Protein backbone atom coordinates (compact mmCIF):
# COMPACT_ATOMS: atom_id res chain seq x y z
CA MET A 1 0.00 0.04 0.04
CA SER A 2 1.41 3.52 -0.91
CA VAL A 3 2.07 5.99 1.68
CA ALA A 4 0.25 8.72 -0.10
CA GLY A 5 -2.99 9.84 1.27
CA THR A 6 -4.51 12.06 3.88
CA TYR A 7 -4.04 11.30 7.53
CA ASN A 8 -6.11 12.65 10.59
CA CYS A 9 -3.24 13.10 13.24
CA VAL A 10 -2.42 14.15 16.65
CA THR A 11 0.90 15.58 17.92
CA ARG A 12 1.28 15.54 21.49
CA THR A 13 3.13 19.08 22.45
CA PRO A 14 3.80 20.75 25.80
CA MET A 15 0.85 23.26 24.68
CA GLY A 16 -1.49 20.29 24.52
CA ASP A 17 -2.62 17.81 21.66
CA GLN A 18 -2.53 19.40 18.29
CA THR A 19 -4.93 17.78 15.83
CA SER A 20 -4.13 18.27 12.11
CA THR A 21 -4.66 17.01 8.66
CA PHE A 22 -1.52 15.82 6.97
CA THR A 23 -1.57 15.21 3.36
CA VAL A 24 1.11 13.35 1.55
CA ASN A 25 1.70 13.51 -2.37
CA VAL A 26 4.29 11.09 -3.38
CA ASP A 27 6.40 11.44 -6.58
CA GLY A 28 9.03 8.72 -6.80
CA ASP A 29 11.16 8.92 -3.82
CA SER A 30 10.00 12.58 -2.60
CA PHE A 31 6.75 13.93 -1.57
CA THR A 32 4.94 17.15 -1.06
CA GLY A 33 1.96 18.07 1.06
CA THR A 34 0.57 20.02 3.78
CA ASN A 35 -0.22 19.65 7.61
CA SER A 36 -3.33 21.81 8.54
CA GLY A 37 -4.46 22.36 12.04
CA GLN A 38 -5.50 24.76 14.83
CA MET A 39 -2.32 26.66 14.34
CA GLY A 40 -2.70 27.14 10.66
CA SER A 41 -1.34 25.44 7.73
CA MET A 42 2.44 24.49 7.06
CA ASP A 43 3.92 23.12 3.68
CA VAL A 44 5.94 19.92 3.52
CA GLU A 45 9.56 20.94 2.56
CA ASN A 46 12.51 18.47 1.61
CA GLY A 47 9.88 15.45 1.81
CA LYS A 48 11.52 12.12 1.36
CA VAL A 49 9.97 8.67 0.92
CA ASP A 50 12.07 5.47 2.03
CA GLY A 51 9.86 2.40 1.64
CA ASN A 52 7.06 3.30 4.15
CA THR A 53 9.19 5.79 6.09
CA LEU A 54 8.62 9.71 5.48
CA THR A 55 11.01 12.40 6.41
CA TRP A 56 10.42 15.82 6.11
CA GLN A 57 10.44 19.61 7.56
CA MET A 58 7.98 22.16 8.22
CA LYS A 59 8.38 25.85 8.84
CA MET A 60 6.16 26.89 11.98
CA THR A 61 5.53 30.61 12.42
CA VAL A 62 2.87 30.20 15.38
CA PRO A 63 3.56 30.81 18.29
CA MET A 64 6.95 31.45 16.96
CA PRO A 65 9.14 30.81 13.81
CA MET A 66 10.90 27.69 14.10
CA THR A 67 11.82 24.60 11.51
CA LEU A 68 10.34 21.40 12.60
CA ASP A 69 12.19 18.18 11.65
CA CYS A 70 9.80 15.18 11.12
CA THR A 71 9.80 11.64 10.49
CA ALA A 72 7.03 8.86 10.34
CA THR A 73 6.51 5.26 9.49
CA VAL A 74 3.22 4.24 7.65
CA ASP A 75 1.83 0.79 8.54
CA GLY A 76 -1.35 0.19 6.44
CA ASP A 77 -3.53 2.93 7.39
CA LYS A 78 -1.60 4.05 10.64
CA LEU A 79 1.02 6.63 10.92
CA ASP A 80 3.41 6.75 13.74
CA GLY A 81 6.06 9.54 14.01
CA LYS A 82 7.78 12.39 15.64
CA VAL A 83 8.14 15.78 15.47
CA THR A 84 11.58 17.46 16.63
CA ALA A 85 11.13 21.29 17.63
CA GLY A 86 14.67 22.45 18.29
CA MET A 87 15.54 23.06 21.74
CA PHE A 88 11.73 22.35 22.86
CA GLY A 89 12.09 18.51 22.23
CA THR A 90 10.59 15.88 20.47
CA PHE A 91 7.02 14.96 20.38
CA PRO A 92 5.03 11.94 19.24
CA MET A 93 2.70 12.21 16.01
CA GLU A 94 0.25 9.62 15.53
CA GLY A 95 -2.66 9.40 12.69
CA THR A 96 -4.90 7.28 10.72
CA ARG A 97 -5.77 7.42 7.01
CA ALA A 98 -8.84 9.57 6.44
């Protein structure tokens, strides 16, 4: 099964659980997409696909500008990953295919 699709996600942060819709558009070994939630929408940058593993970055602007480094593994309809927010640490991200 392809990793492409739309996922309903929750990222567990110090500011509480952040729900979002994560869209993955695969093109060979790379992907584009967005992660849209309560804090706005962020575009996927440097998206890479390696089997069922995704790695990407997003530029957050709210509540402060920061580059987020992300990785996730897709297993069927389940996405399990993590979001690293610089000095603020790493937070679990999980989702299910919409």
